[in-house]
Amino acid sequence: MDVTKIVQFWNQIRQDLVDTIEKFYNENLNYVMYENGYSVRQIILHIAQEEYGEIQCGITREIDEFPPPYEEGSYPTIEAVKTLLAGVHKTTLGI
């Protein structure tokens, strides 16, 4: 497994995601494109969960089970979401 390529992948995903998030307003986080779809916030939190799980469970084995989804209510603003993404990505860069 080429860990360097995985880190590069997540670097690009994170940068593109942050660039996209910065185009939204806080009130857009609850936007759902279609009935029974996911909100913008849910999609962003899912991407953060995937990065954390792939690195901490799949690569470093720091955790034994894939992490549960992040609680939406804990990330009410774009800044809160960006802070989460920065923290998750910091663990990725630490491998």
PDB file of N, CA and C in Angstrom:
ATOM      1  N   MET A   1       0.844  -1.174   0.000  1.00  0.00           N
ATOM      2  CA  MET A   1       0.000   0.000   0.000  1.00  0.00           C
ATOM      3  C   MET A   1       0.891   1.238   0.000  1.00  0.00           C
ATOM      4  N   ASP A   2       0.594   2.157  -0.886  1.00  0.00           N
ATOM      5  CA  ASP A   2       1.362   3.392  -0.988  1.00  0.00           C
ATOM      6  C   ASP A   2       0.657   4.483  -0.179  1.00  0.00           C
ATOM      7  N   VAL A   3       1.101   4.640   1.059  1.00  0.00           N
ATOM      8  CA  VAL A   3       0.482   5.603   1.970  1.00  0.00           C
ATOM      9  C   VAL A   3       0.617   7.025   1.437  1.00  0.00           C
ATOM     10  N   THR A   4       1.717   7.311   0.782  1.00  0.00           N
ATOM     11  CA  THR A   4       1.924   8.653   0.234  1.00  0.00           C
ATOM     12  C   THR A   4       0.816   9.017  -0.756  1.00  0.00           C
ATOM     13  N   LYS A   5       0.438   8.086  -1.593  1.00  0.00           N
ATOM     14  CA  LYS A   5      -0.630   8.356  -2.571  1.00  0.00           C
ATOM     15  C   LYS A   5      -1.973   8.551  -1.882  1.00  0.00           C
ATOM     16  N   ILE A   6      -2.205   7.812  -0.811  1.00  0.00           N
ATOM     17  CA  ILE A   6      -3.458   7.969  -0.078  1.00  0.00           C
ATOM     18  C   ILE A   6      -3.513   9.346   0.573  1.00  0.00           C
ATOM     19  N   VAL A   7      -2.415   9.776   1.161  1.00  0.00           N
ATOM     20  CA  VAL A   7      -2.362  11.109   1.778  1.00  0.00           C
ATOM     21  C   VAL A   7      -2.544  12.178   0.701  1.00  0.00           C
ATOM     22  N   GLN A   8      -1.910  12.019  -0.455  1.00  0.00           N
ATOM     23  CA  GLN A   8      -2.081  12.978  -1.550  1.00  0.00           C
ATOM     24  C   GLN A   8      -3.537  13.035  -1.995  1.00  0.00           C
ATOM     25  N   PHE A   9      -4.180  11.871  -2.069  1.00  0.00           N
ATOM     26  CA  PHE A   9      -5.595  11.804  -2.433  1.00  0.00           C
ATOM     27  C   PHE A   9      -6.428  12.627  -1.456  1.00  0.00           C
ATOM     28  N   TRP A  10      -6.225  12.406  -0.152  1.00  0.00           N
ATOM     29  CA  TRP A  10      -7.010  13.130   0.845  1.00  0.00           C
ATOM     30  C   TRP A  10      -6.650  14.609   0.892  1.00  0.00           C
ATOM     31  N   ASN A  11      -5.397  14.958   0.578  1.00  0.00           N
ATOM     32  CA  ASN A  11      -5.037  16.377   0.477  1.00  0.00           C
ATOM     33  C   ASN A  11      -5.880  17.054  -0.589  1.00  0.00           C
ATOM     34  N   GLN A  12      -6.009  16.418  -1.747  1.00  0.00           N
ATOM     35  CA  GLN A  12      -6.783  16.997  -2.843  1.00  0.00           C
ATOM     36  C   GLN A  12      -8.271  17.044  -2.513  1.00  0.00           C
ATOM     37  N   ILE A  13      -8.795  15.951  -1.962  1.00  0.00           N
ATOM     38  CA  ILE A  13     -10.214  15.921  -1.589  1.00  0.00           C
ATOM     39  C   ILE A  13     -10.511  17.041  -0.607  1.00  0.00           C
ATOM     40  N   ARG A  14      -9.672  17.164   0.429  1.00  0.00           N
ATOM     41  CA  ARG A  14      -9.910  18.183   1.453  1.00  0.00           C
ATOM     42  C   ARG A  14      -9.857  19.576   0.859  1.00  0.00           C
ATOM     43  N   GLN A  15      -8.851  19.855   0.038  1.00  0.00           N
ATOM     44  CA  GLN A  15      -8.741  21.193  -0.541  1.00  0.00           C
ATOM     45  C   GLN A  15      -9.942  21.512  -1.412  1.00  0.00           C
ATOM     46  N   ASP A  16     -10.350  20.576  -2.249  1.00  0.00           N
ATOM     47  CA  ASP A  16     -11.515  20.804  -3.108  1.00  0.00           C
ATOM     48  C   ASP A  16     -12.786  20.975  -2.270  1.00  0.00           C
ATOM     49  N   LEU A  17     -12.902  20.186  -1.214  1.00  0.00           N
ATOM     50  CA  LEU A  17     -14.078  20.279  -0.349  1.00  0.00           C
ATOM     51  C   LEU A  17     -14.134  21.630   0.358  1.00  0.00           C
ATOM     52  N   VAL A  18     -13.018  22.072   0.897  1.00  0.00           N
ATOM     53  CA  VAL A  18     -12.979  23.375   1.572  1.00  0.00           C
ATOM     54  C   VAL A  18     -13.288  24.493   0.575  1.00  0.00           C
ATOM     55  N   ASP A  19     -12.717  24.402  -0.628  1.00  0.00           N
ATOM     56  CA  ASP A  19     -13.017  25.411  -1.655  1.00  0.00           C
ATOM     57  C   ASP A  19     -14.513  25.466  -1.945  1.00  0.00           C
ATOM     58  N   THR A  20     -15.141  24.311  -2.000  1.00  0.00           N
ATOM     59  CA  THR A  20     -16.584  24.248  -2.265  1.00  0.00           C
ATOM     60  C   THR A  20     -17.383  24.770  -1.084  1.00  0.00           C
ATOM     61  N   ILE A  21     -17.025  24.364   0.114  1.00  0.00           N
ATOM     62  CA  ILE A  21     -17.743  24.793   1.323  1.00  0.00           C
ATOM     63  C   ILE A  21     -17.743  26.311   1.444  1.00  0.00           C
ATOM     64  N   GLU A  22     -16.648  26.938   1.071  1.00  0.00           N
ATOM     65  CA  GLU A  22     -16.532  28.386   1.210  1.00  0.00           C
ATOM     66  C   GLU A  22     -17.484  29.144   0.278  1.00  0.00           C
ATOM     67  N   LYS A  23     -18.137  28.447  -0.629  1.00  0.00           N
ATOM     68  CA  LYS A  23     -19.124  29.066  -1.507  1.00  0.00           C
ATOM     69  C   LYS A  23     -20.523  29.068  -0.889  1.00  0.00           C
ATOM     70  N   PHE A  24     -20.672  28.373   0.233  1.00  0.00           N
ATOM     71  CA  PHE A  24     -21.963  28.243   0.893  1.00  0.00           C
ATOM     72  C   PHE A  24     -22.095  29.225   2.055  1.00  0.00           C
ATOM     73  N   TYR A  25     -23.353  29.446   2.458  1.00  0.00           N
ATOM     74  CA  TYR A  25     -23.666  30.178   3.677  1.00  0.00           C
ATOM     75  C   TYR A  25     -24.154  29.158   4.698  1.00  0.00           C
ATOM     76  N   ASN A  26     -24.134  29.532   5.973  1.00  0.00           N
ATOM     77  CA  ASN A  26     -24.581  28.607   7.020  1.00  0.00           C
ATOM     78  C   ASN A  26     -25.959  28.021   6.735  1.00  0.00           C
ATOM     79  N   GLU A  27     -26.863  28.857   6.244  1.00  0.00           N
ATOM     80  CA  GLU A  27     -28.224  28.363   6.005  1.00  0.00           C
ATOM     81  C   GLU A  27     -28.290  27.336   4.869  1.00  0.00           C
ATOM     82  N   ASN A  28     -27.243  27.247   4.044  1.00  0.00           N
ATOM     83  CA  ASN A  28     -27.206  26.255   2.968  1.00  0.00           C
ATOM     84  C   ASN A  28     -26.861  24.852   3.466  1.00  0.00           C
ATOM     85  N   LEU A  29     -26.359  24.743   4.686  1.00  0.00           N
ATOM     86  CA  LEU A  29     -25.927  23.434   5.186  1.00  0.00           C
ATOM     87  C   LEU A  29     -27.067  22.430   5.283  1.00  0.00           C
ATOM     88  N   ASN A  30     -28.278  22.908   5.434  1.00  0.00           N
ATOM     89  CA  ASN A  30     -29.434  22.009   5.529  1.00  0.00           C
ATOM     90  C   ASN A  30     -30.097  21.739   4.187  1.00  0.00           C
ATOM     91  N   TYR A  31     -29.574  22.306   3.129  1.00  0.00           N
ATOM     92  CA  TYR A  31     -30.167  22.130   1.805  1.00  0.00           C
ATOM     93  C   TYR A  31     -30.094  20.667   1.371  1.00  0.00           C
ATOM     94  N   VAL A  32     -31.220  20.153   0.897  1.00  0.00           N
ATOM     95  CA  VAL A  32     -31.317  18.793   0.358  1.00  0.00           C
ATOM     96  C   VAL A  32     -31.806  18.940  -1.079  1.00  0.00           C
ATOM     97  N   MET A  33     -31.045  18.402  -2.014  1.00  0.00           N
ATOM     98  CA  MET A  33     -31.353  18.599  -3.422  1.00  0.00           C
ATOM     99  C   MET A  33     -32.651  17.910  -3.852  1.00  0.00           C
ATOM    100  N   TYR A  34     -32.937  16.751  -3.286  1.00  0.00           N
ATOM    101  CA  TYR A  34     -34.142  16.030  -3.670  1.00  0.00           C
ATOM    102  C   TYR A  34     -34.685  15.255  -2.476  1.00  0.00           C
ATOM    103  N   GLU A  35     -35.949  14.898  -2.562  1.00  0.00           N
ATOM    104  CA  GLU A  35     -36.622  14.198  -1.472  1.00  0.00           C
ATOM    105  C   GLU A  35     -35.853  12.929  -1.083  1.00  0.00           C
ATOM    106  N   ASN A  36     -35.678  12.742   0.210  1.00  0.00           N
ATOM    107  CA  ASN A  36     -34.948  11.599   0.783  1.00  0.00           C
ATOM    108  C   ASN A  36     -33.451  11.636   0.483  1.00  0.00           C
ATOM    109  N   GLY A  37     -32.971  12.781   0.016  1.00  0.00           N
ATOM    110  CA  GLY A  37     -31.540  12.928  -0.231  1.00  0.00           C
ATOM    111  C   GLY A  37     -30.828  13.353   1.046  1.00  0.00           C
ATOM    112  N   TYR A  38     -29.550  13.574   0.921  1.00  0.00           N
ATOM    113  CA  TYR A  38     -28.728  14.015   2.045  1.00  0.00           C
ATOM    114  C   TYR A  38     -28.550  15.521   1.987  1.00  0.00           C
ATOM    115  N   SER A  39     -28.450  16.132   3.162  1.00  0.00           N
ATOM    116  CA  SER A  39     -28.195  17.572   3.204  1.00  0.00           C
ATOM    117  C   SER A  39     -26.725  17.832   2.887  1.00  0.00           C
ATOM    118  N   VAL A  40     -26.433  19.073   2.574  1.00  0.00           N
ATOM    119  CA  VAL A  40     -25.045  19.469   2.333  1.00  0.00           C
ATOM    120  C   VAL A  40     -24.195  19.112   3.557  1.00  0.00           C
ATOM    121  N   ARG A  41     -24.699  19.406   4.750  1.00  0.00           N
ATOM    122  CA  ARG A  41     -23.968  19.096   5.985  1.00  0.00           C
ATOM    123  C   ARG A  41     -23.709  17.591   6.100  1.00  0.00           C
ATOM    124  N   GLN A  42     -24.721  16.769   5.834  1.00  0.00           N
ATOM    125  CA  GLN A  42     -24.558  15.320   5.939  1.00  0.00           C
ATOM    126  C   GLN A  42     -23.489  14.808   4.979  1.00  0.00           C
ATOM    127  N   ILE A  43     -23.458  15.344   3.788  1.00  0.00           N
ATOM    128  CA  ILE A  43     -22.455  14.910   2.808  1.00  0.00           C
ATOM    129  C   ILE A  43     -21.056  15.290   3.274  1.00  0.00           C
ATOM    130  N   ILE A  44     -20.899  16.510   3.747  1.00  0.00           N
ATOM    131  CA  ILE A  44     -19.586  16.961   4.229  1.00  0.00           C
ATOM    132  C   ILE A  44     -19.135  16.110   5.417  1.00  0.00           C
ATOM    133  N   LEU A  45     -20.034  15.881   6.361  1.00  0.00           N
ATOM    134  CA  LEU A  45     -19.666  15.087   7.535  1.00  0.00           C
ATOM    135  C   LEU A  45     -19.346  13.648   7.144  1.00  0.00           C
ATOM    136  N   HIS A  46     -20.015  13.143   6.141  1.00  0.00           N
ATOM    137  CA  HIS A  46     -19.722  11.789   5.670  1.00  0.00           C
ATOM    138  C   HIS A  46     -18.323  11.714   5.075  1.00  0.00           C
ATOM    139  N   ILE A  47     -17.941  12.711   4.319  1.00  0.00           N
ATOM    140  CA  ILE A  47     -16.591  12.738   3.746  1.00  0.00           C
ATOM    141  C   ILE A  47     -15.554  12.786   4.861  1.00  0.00           C
ATOM    142  N   ALA A  48     -15.801  13.594   5.891  1.00  0.00           N
ATOM    143  CA  ALA A  48     -14.875  13.650   7.042  1.00  0.00           C
ATOM    144  C   ALA A  48     -14.787  12.297   7.730  1.00  0.00           C
ATOM    145  N   GLN A  49     -15.930  11.649   7.908  1.00  0.00           N
ATOM    146  CA  GLN A  49     -15.959  10.325   8.537  1.00  0.00           C
ATOM    147  C   GLN A  49     -15.167   9.320   7.700  1.00  0.00           C
ATOM    148  N   GLU A  50     -15.308   9.376   6.399  1.00  0.00           N
ATOM    149  CA  GLU A  50     -14.597   8.454   5.514  1.00  0.00           C
ATOM    150  C   GLU A  50     -13.081   8.660   5.607  1.00  0.00           C
ATOM    151  N   GLU A  51     -12.652   9.914   5.611  1.00  0.00           N
ATOM    152  CA  GLU A  51     -11.213  10.171   5.723  1.00  0.00           C
ATOM    153  C   GLU A  51     -10.687   9.628   7.046  1.00  0.00           C
ATOM    154  N   TYR A  52     -11.374   9.972   8.125  1.00  0.00           N
ATOM    155  CA  TYR A  52     -10.922   9.523   9.443  1.00  0.00           C
ATOM    156  C   TYR A  52     -10.916   7.998   9.524  1.00  0.00           C
ATOM    157  N   GLY A  53     -11.980   7.369   9.059  1.00  0.00           N
ATOM    158  CA  GLY A  53     -12.073   5.913   9.120  1.00  0.00           C
ATOM    159  C   GLY A  53     -11.040   5.221   8.262  1.00  0.00           C
ATOM    160  N   GLU A  54     -10.846   5.723   7.043  1.00  0.00           N
ATOM    161  CA  GLU A  54      -9.868   5.098   6.150  1.00  0.00           C
ATOM    162  C   GLU A  54      -8.467   5.154   6.750  1.00  0.00           C
ATOM    163  N   ILE A  55      -8.127   6.284   7.316  1.00  0.00           N
ATOM    164  CA  ILE A  55      -6.778   6.443   7.864  1.00  0.00           C
ATOM    165  C   ILE A  55      -6.643   5.730   9.213  1.00  0.00           C
ATOM    166  N   GLN A  56      -7.539   6.032  10.147  1.00  0.00           N
ATOM    167  CA  GLN A  56      -7.374   5.533  11.518  1.00  0.00           C
ATOM    168  C   GLN A  56      -7.759   4.061  11.697  1.00  0.00           C
ATOM    169  N   CYS A  57      -8.672   3.572  10.896  1.00  0.00           N
ATOM    170  CA  CYS A  57      -9.089   2.177  11.002  1.00  0.00           C
ATOM    171  C   CYS A  57      -8.418   1.336   9.926  1.00  0.00           C
ATOM    172  N   GLY A  58      -8.430   1.834   8.711  1.00  0.00           N
ATOM    173  CA  GLY A  58      -7.936   1.043   7.594  1.00  0.00           C
ATOM    174  C   GLY A  58      -6.437   1.017   7.423  1.00  0.00           C
ATOM    175  N   ILE A  59      -5.755   2.099   7.766  1.00  0.00           N
ATOM    176  CA  ILE A  59      -4.314   2.162   7.514  1.00  0.00           C
ATOM    177  C   ILE A  59      -3.496   2.029   8.794  1.00  0.00           C
ATOM    178  N   THR A  60      -3.729   2.933   9.742  1.00  0.00           N
ATOM    179  CA  THR A  60      -2.889   2.909  10.948  1.00  0.00           C
ATOM    180  C   THR A  60      -3.370   1.921  11.991  1.00  0.00           C
ATOM    181  N   ARG A  61      -4.626   1.512  11.899  1.00  0.00           N
ATOM    182  CA  ARG A  61      -5.245   0.594  12.865  1.00  0.00           C
ATOM    183  C   ARG A  61      -5.254   1.182  14.286  1.00  0.00           C
ATOM    184  N   GLU A  62      -5.332   2.522  14.344  1.00  0.00           N
ATOM    185  CA  GLU A  62      -5.413   3.205  15.637  1.00  0.00           C
ATOM    186  C   GLU A  62      -6.753   2.929  16.318  1.00  0.00           C
ATOM    187  N   ILE A  63      -7.774   2.662  15.505  1.00  0.00           N
ATOM    188  CA  ILE A  63      -9.083   2.302  16.049  1.00  0.00           C
ATOM    189  C   ILE A  63      -9.484   0.950  15.457  1.00  0.00           C
ATOM    190  N   ASP A  64     -10.265   0.193  16.224  1.00  0.00           N
ATOM    191  CA  ASP A  64     -10.627  -1.163  15.813  1.00  0.00           C
ATOM    192  C   ASP A  64     -11.828  -1.230  14.881  1.00  0.00           C
ATOM    193  N   GLU A  65     -12.720  -0.260  14.980  1.00  0.00           N
ATOM    194  CA  GLU A  65     -13.927  -0.260  14.168  1.00  0.00           C
ATOM    195  C   GLU A  65     -14.060   1.062  13.441  1.00  0.00           C
ATOM    196  N   PHE A  66     -14.699   0.998  12.287  1.00  0.00           N
ATOM    197  CA  PHE A  66     -14.934   2.224  11.538  1.00  0.00           C
ATOM    198  C   PHE A  66     -15.760   3.172  12.408  1.00  0.00           C
ATOM    199  N   PRO A  67     -15.410   4.449  12.443  1.00  0.00           N
ATOM    200  CA  PRO A  67     -16.096   5.388  13.349  1.00  0.00           C
ATOM    201  C   PRO A  67     -17.552   5.625  12.943  1.00  0.00           C
ATOM    202  N   PRO A  68     -18.375   5.924  13.926  1.00  0.00           N
ATOM    203  CA  PRO A  68     -19.778   6.249  13.624  1.00  0.00           C
ATOM    204  C   PRO A  68     -19.861   7.622  12.954  1.00  0.00           C
ATOM    205  N   PRO A  69     -20.989   7.922  12.355  1.00  0.00           N
ATOM    206  CA  PRO A  69     -21.157   9.243  11.735  1.00  0.00           C
ATOM    207  C   PRO A  69     -21.018  10.360  12.767  1.00  0.00           C
ATOM    208  N   TYR A  70     -20.554  11.508  12.311  1.00  0.00           N
ATOM    209  CA  TYR A  70     -20.487  12.683  13.178  1.00  0.00           C
ATOM    210  C   TYR A  70     -21.903  13.194  13.415  1.00  0.00           C
ATOM    211  N   GLU A  71     -22.148  13.712  14.607  1.00  0.00           N
ATOM    212  CA  GLU A  71     -23.459  14.261  14.968  1.00  0.00           C
ATOM    213  C   GLU A  71     -23.659  15.607  14.275  1.00  0.00           C
ATOM    214  N   GLU A  72     -24.703  15.696  13.490  1.00  0.00           N
ATOM    215  CA  GLU A  72     -24.966  16.924  12.741  1.00  0.00           C
ATOM    216  C   GLU A  72     -25.086  18.155  13.631  1.00  0.00           C
ATOM    217  N   GLY A  73     -25.736  18.002  14.783  1.00  0.00           N
ATOM    218  CA  GLY A  73     -25.949  19.126  15.677  1.00  0.00           C
ATOM    219  C   GLY A  73     -24.671  19.705  16.260  1.00  0.00           C
ATOM    220  N   SER A  74     -23.604  18.946  16.209  1.00  0.00           N
ATOM    221  CA  SER A  74     -22.323  19.425  16.728  1.00  0.00           C
ATOM    222  C   SER A  74     -21.605  20.349  15.747  1.00  0.00           C
ATOM    223  N   TYR A  75     -22.124  20.457  14.531  1.00  0.00           N
ATOM    224  CA  TYR A  75     -21.475  21.250  13.485  1.00  0.00           C
ATOM    225  C   TYR A  75     -22.508  22.167  12.826  1.00  0.00           C
ATOM    226  N   PRO A  76     -22.943  23.187  13.571  1.00  0.00           N
ATOM    227  CA  PRO A  76     -24.053  24.035  13.089  1.00  0.00           C
ATOM    228  C   PRO A  76     -23.660  25.081  12.047  1.00  0.00           C
ATOM    229  N   THR A  77     -22.366  25.348  11.921  1.00  0.00           N
ATOM    230  CA  THR A  77     -21.923  26.408  11.011  1.00  0.00           C
ATOM    231  C   THR A  77     -20.839  25.891  10.066  1.00  0.00           C
ATOM    232  N   ILE A  78     -20.603  26.660   9.042  1.00  0.00           N
ATOM    233  CA  ILE A  78     -19.532  26.321   8.107  1.00  0.00           C
ATOM    234  C   ILE A  78     -18.190  26.326   8.830  1.00  0.00           C
ATOM    235  N   GLU A  79     -17.979  27.272   9.719  1.00  0.00           N
ATOM    236  CA  GLU A  79     -16.710  27.306  10.462  1.00  0.00           C
ATOM    237  C   GLU A  79     -16.538  26.053  11.319  1.00  0.00           C
ATOM    238  N   ALA A  80     -17.613  25.595  11.938  1.00  0.00           N
ATOM    239  CA  ALA A  80     -17.536  24.378  12.747  1.00  0.00           C
ATOM    240  C   ALA A  80     -17.197  23.167  11.878  1.00  0.00           C
ATOM    241  N   VAL A  81     -17.791  23.103  10.712  1.00  0.00           N
ATOM    242  CA  VAL A  81     -17.509  22.001   9.781  1.00  0.00           C
ATOM    243  C   VAL A  81     -16.055  22.072   9.315  1.00  0.00           C
ATOM    244  N   LYS A  82     -15.592  23.278   8.972  1.00  0.00           N
ATOM    245  CA  LYS A  82     -14.202  23.431   8.530  1.00  0.00           C
ATOM    246  C   LYS A  82     -13.217  23.082   9.639  1.00  0.00           C
ATOM    247  N   THR A  83     -13.565  23.388  10.886  1.00  0.00           N
ATOM    248  CA  THR A  83     -12.704  23.020  12.019  1.00  0.00           C
ATOM    249  C   THR A  83     -12.618  21.507  12.142  1.00  0.00           C
ATOM    250  N   LEU A  84     -13.744  20.823  11.989  1.00  0.00           N
ATOM    251  CA  LEU A  84     -13.736  19.362  12.005  1.00  0.00           C
ATOM    252  C   LEU A  84     -12.841  18.823  10.892  1.00  0.00           C
ATOM    253  N   LEU A  85     -13.028  19.317   9.681  1.00  0.00           N
ATOM    254  CA  LEU A  85     -12.224  18.841   8.554  1.00  0.00           C
ATOM    255  C   LEU A  85     -10.732  19.064   8.794  1.00  0.00           C
ATOM    256  N   ALA A  86     -10.394  20.196   9.366  1.00  0.00           N
ATOM    257  CA  ALA A  86      -8.975  20.471   9.653  1.00  0.00           C
ATOM    258  C   ALA A  86      -8.422  19.494  10.673  1.00  0.00           C
ATOM    259  N   GLY A  87      -9.205  19.190  11.705  1.00  0.00           N
ATOM    260  CA  GLY A  87      -8.756  18.239  12.721  1.00  0.00           C
ATOM    261  C   GLY A  87      -8.607  16.838  12.171  1.00  0.00           C
ATOM    262  N   VAL A  88      -9.565  16.421  11.364  1.00  0.00           N
ATOM    263  CA  VAL A  88      -9.486  15.088  10.760  1.00  0.00           C
ATOM    264  C   VAL A  88      -8.274  15.024   9.831  1.00  0.00           C
ATOM    265  N   HIS A  89      -8.086  16.047   9.046  1.00  0.00           N
ATOM    266  CA  HIS A  89      -6.975  16.021   8.091  1.00  0.00           C
ATOM    267  C   HIS A  89      -5.615  16.080   8.798  1.00  0.00           C
ATOM    268  N   LYS A  90      -5.581  16.714   9.954  1.00  0.00           N
ATOM    269  CA  LYS A  90      -4.334  16.751  10.725  1.00  0.00           C
ATOM    270  C   LYS A  90      -3.906  15.325  11.103  1.00  0.00           C
ATOM    271  N   THR A  91      -4.874  14.471  11.426  1.00  0.00           N
ATOM    272  CA  THR A  91      -4.520  13.072  11.735  1.00  0.00           C
ATOM    273  C   THR A  91      -4.018  12.344  10.487  1.00  0.00           C
ATOM    274  N   THR A  92      -4.572  12.702   9.330  1.00  0.00           N
ATOM    275  CA  THR A  92      -4.110  12.102   8.076  1.00  0.00           C
ATOM    276  C   THR A  92      -2.663  12.499   7.817  1.00  0.00           C
ATOM    277  N   LEU A  93      -2.354  13.742   8.008  1.00  0.00           N
ATOM    278  CA  LEU A  93      -0.993  14.224   7.753  1.00  0.00           C
ATOM    279  C   LEU A  93       0.012  13.653   8.747  1.00  0.00           C
ATOM    280  N   GLY A  94      -0.484  13.163   9.882  1.00  0.00           N
ATOM    281  CA  GLY A  94       0.389  12.631  10.927  1.00  0.00           C
ATOM    282  C   GLY A  94       0.864  11.201  10.689  1.00  0.00           C
ATOM    283  N   ILE A  95       0.362  10.559   9.613  1.00  0.00           N
ATOM    284  CA  ILE A  95       0.796   9.166   9.404  1.00  0.00           C
ATOM    285  C   ILE A  95       2.100   9.080   8.659  1.00  0.00           C
TER     286      ILE A  95
END
